[in-house]
Amino acid sequence: MPQFDVTTFSSQFFWLFICFVVLFLFSAKSTLPRLHKVFEERWKKIDGRMKEAELLNKEAEELAAKYESDHEQAKKQAHEIVLMSARQASTNLNRTKADLAKEHKKRFRDAELVIANKKADAMGNVQVIAKDLVSTIIQTLSDTSPEQDALNTAVSSSMLKRVANEF
């Protein structure tokens, strides 16, 4: 093999050195600046995108914080509305209860008056019937007609005692 021949080592080193220098200079003058430019552009894009991502991240965090604060504020407002509605409903319910209680009391009083009037009418009718009955009984048993004043007094006192015992 010729590359392992010791006599040709010096010429091989010489040409290796020449090729290396030529390739190095070519790379240093044309290829490396282009690579450097491409890498710089890439790093600039990456840095720009990183800054843009940081800005977008900050915006997202601000929006999230704003959303959270708006959400909390909406919760508070909803809670206040619910409390206000509950108070208003309670007030309306109490007012309605009071109105119904007044109406029931009025109806109850009116009913009591009607009942008392009916009872008085009935008692008046009972008193008239009782007087006629007592008068008829006395006439049948004694063949005499009773005195109207005595008859009225007896029936009235009897009716008063009966009414007093009921209450």
Protein backbone atom coordinates (compact mmCIF):
# COMPACT_ATOMS: atom_id res chain seq x y z
CA MET A 1 0.00 0.00 0.00
CA PRO A 2 1.44 3.27 -1.03
CA GLN A 3 0.08 5.37 1.81
CA PHE A 4 2.05 3.32 4.29
CA ASP A 5 5.27 3.79 2.40
CA VAL A 6 7.59 5.86 4.61
CA THR A 7 9.35 7.55 1.72
CA THR A 8 6.15 9.24 0.54
CA PHE A 9 5.11 10.55 3.97
CA SER A 10 6.63 14.01 3.52
CA SER A 11 4.87 14.65 0.19
CA GLN A 12 1.64 13.30 1.62
CA PHE A 13 1.94 15.67 4.60
CA PHE A 14 2.69 18.57 2.31
CA TRP A 15 -0.39 17.99 0.14
CA LEU A 16 -2.51 17.30 3.20
CA PHE A 17 -1.42 20.62 4.65
CA ILE A 18 -2.08 22.47 1.37
CA CYS A 19 -5.58 20.90 1.01
CA PHE A 20 -6.38 21.59 4.61
CA VAL A 21 -5.36 25.26 4.31
CA VAL A 22 -7.33 25.68 1.06
CA LEU A 23 -10.43 24.04 2.54
CA PHE A 24 -10.04 26.04 5.73
CA LEU A 25 -9.73 29.33 3.87
CA PHE A 26 -12.64 28.43 1.59
CA SER A 27 -14.76 27.50 4.59
CA ALA A 28 -13.68 30.58 6.53
CA LYS A 29 -14.42 32.96 3.65
CA SER A 30 -17.60 31.50 2.16
CA THR A 31 -19.23 28.67 4.08
CA LEU A 32 -18.71 29.76 7.68
CA PRO A 33 -20.08 33.30 7.16
CA ARG A 34 -23.18 31.84 5.51
CA LEU A 35 -23.61 29.36 8.37
CA HIS A 36 -23.03 32.13 10.87
CA LYS A 37 -25.65 34.29 9.13
CA VAL A 38 -28.17 31.41 9.08
CA PHE A 39 -27.55 30.68 12.76
CA GLU A 40 -27.92 34.37 13.66
CA GLU A 41 -31.21 34.58 11.80
CA ARG A 42 -32.38 31.42 13.47
CA TRP A 43 -31.44 32.74 16.93
CA LYS A 44 -33.09 36.08 16.16
CA LYS A 45 -36.29 34.27 15.12
CA ILE A 46 -36.13 32.07 18.19
CA ASP A 47 -35.51 35.08 20.46
CA GLY A 48 -38.31 37.03 18.75
CA ARG A 49 -40.69 34.12 19.12
CA MET A 50 -39.65 33.63 22.72
CA LYS A 51 -40.33 37.31 23.45
CA GLU A 52 -43.63 37.07 21.60
CA ALA A 53 -44.51 33.93 23.57
CA GLU A 54 -43.61 35.69 26.82
CA LEU A 55 -45.81 38.65 25.86
CA LEU A 56 -48.65 36.33 24.92
CA ASN A 57 -48.14 34.42 28.15
CA LYS A 58 -48.27 37.69 30.11
CA GLU A 59 -51.43 38.70 28.25
CA ALA A 60 -52.96 35.30 28.96
CA GLU A 61 -52.10 35.61 32.65
CA GLU A 62 -53.57 39.13 32.75
CA LEU A 63 -56.71 37.92 31.00
CA ALA A 64 -56.95 34.98 33.39
CA ALA A 65 -56.56 37.33 36.37
CA LYS A 66 -59.16 39.69 34.89
CA TYR A 67 -61.47 36.76 34.25
CA GLU A 68 -61.03 35.55 37.81
CA SER A 69 -61.72 39.00 39.24
CA ASP A 70 -64.75 39.44 36.97
CA HIS A 71 -65.94 35.97 37.92
CA GLU A 72 -65.59 36.75 41.63
CA GLN A 73 -67.34 40.07 41.15
CA ALA A 74 -70.15 38.36 39.26
CA LYS A 75 -70.44 35.79 42.06
CA LYS A 76 -70.70 38.58 44.63
CA GLN A 77 -73.31 40.41 42.57
CA ALA A 78 -75.30 37.21 42.08
CA HIS A 79 -75.10 36.51 45.82
CA GLU A 80 -76.27 40.05 46.58
CA ILE A 81 -79.12 39.70 44.09
CA VAL A 82 -80.16 36.39 45.66
CA LEU A 83 -80.04 37.91 49.15
CA MET A 84 -81.97 40.96 48.02
CA SER A 85 -84.55 38.77 46.29
CA ALA A 86 -84.85 36.58 49.38
CA ARG A 87 -85.34 39.66 51.58
CA GLN A 88 -87.87 41.07 49.17
CA ALA A 89 -89.70 37.76 48.95
CA SER A 90 -89.67 37.50 52.75
CA THR A 91 -91.01 41.05 53.06
CA ASN A 92 -93.69 40.36 50.47
CA LEU A 93 -94.57 37.08 52.21
CA ASN A 94 -94.82 38.79 55.60
CA ARG A 95 -96.91 41.59 54.10
CA THR A 96 -99.16 39.04 52.40
CA LYS A 97 -99.46 37.06 55.63
CA ALA A 98 -100.39 40.22 57.52
CA ASP A 99 -102.93 41.18 54.87
CA LEU A 100 -104.40 37.67 54.91
CA ALA A 101 -104.50 37.69 58.71
CA LYS A 102 -106.35 41.03 58.66
CA GLU A 103 -108.73 39.74 56.02
CA HIS A 104 -109.35 36.52 58.00
CA LYS A 105 -109.94 38.51 61.18
CA LYS A 106 -112.39 40.75 59.34
CA ARG A 107 -114.17 37.77 57.82
CA PHE A 108 -114.20 36.06 61.20
CA ARG A 109 -115.73 39.17 62.84
CA ASP A 110 -118.24 39.48 60.02
CA ALA A 111 -119.12 35.80 60.35
CA GLU A 112 -119.47 36.19 64.13
CA LEU A 113 -121.80 39.16 63.56
CA VAL A 114 -123.84 37.19 61.04
CA ILE A 115 -124.01 34.25 63.44
CA ALA A 116 -124.96 36.53 66.33
CA ASN A 117 -127.67 38.19 64.21
CA LYS A 118 -128.97 34.83 63.05
CA LYS A 119 -128.86 33.55 66.60
CA ALA A 120 -130.71 36.66 67.84
CA ASP A 121 -133.32 36.23 65.10
CA ALA A 122 -133.62 32.56 65.93
CA MET A 123 -133.84 33.31 69.62
CA GLY A 124 -136.48 35.94 68.89
CA ASN A 125 -138.41 33.40 66.88
CA VAL A 126 -137.89 30.81 69.60
CA GLN A 127 -139.12 33.32 72.16
CA VAL A 128 -142.27 34.03 70.12
CA ILE A 129 -142.84 30.29 69.60
CA ALA A 130 -142.17 29.64 73.30
CA LYS A 131 -144.70 32.31 74.32
CA ASP A 132 -147.31 30.87 71.97
CA LEU A 133 -146.58 27.35 73.17
CA VAL A 134 -146.70 28.29 76.85
CA SER A 135 -149.89 30.28 76.28
CA THR A 136 -151.50 27.36 74.44
CA ILE A 137 -150.43 24.90 77.17
CA ILE A 138 -151.77 27.14 79.95
CA GLN A 139 -155.05 27.67 78.07
CA THR A 140 -155.39 23.95 77.45
CA LEU A 141 -154.64 22.98 81.03
CA SER A 142 -156.45 25.75 82.85
CA ASP A 143 -158.97 27.00 80.35
CA THR A 144 -157.84 30.56 81.10
CA SER A 145 -155.61 32.81 79.11
CA PRO A 146 -152.40 33.88 80.90
CA GLU A 147 -151.39 37.47 81.41
CA GLN A 148 -149.11 38.63 78.64
CA ASP A 149 -146.73 40.54 80.95
CA ALA A 150 -146.20 37.55 83.23
CA LEU A 151 -145.86 35.26 80.24
CA ASN A 152 -143.28 37.58 78.60
CA THR A 153 -141.31 37.91 81.84
CA ALA A 154 -141.23 34.13 82.46
CA VAL A 155 -140.20 33.22 78.90
CA SER A 156 -137.60 36.02 78.73
CA SER A 157 -135.97 35.07 82.04
CA SER A 158 -135.92 31.41 81.04
CA MET A 159 -134.32 32.30 77.69
CA LEU A 160 -131.72 34.56 79.39
CA LYS A 161 -130.74 31.77 81.78
CA ARG A 162 -130.38 29.35 78.88
CA VAL A 163 -128.27 31.80 76.84
CA ALA A 164 -126.09 32.60 79.90
CA ASN A 165 -125.46 28.87 80.43
CA GLU A 166 -124.33 28.46 76.81
CA PHE A 167 -121.64 31.13 77.12
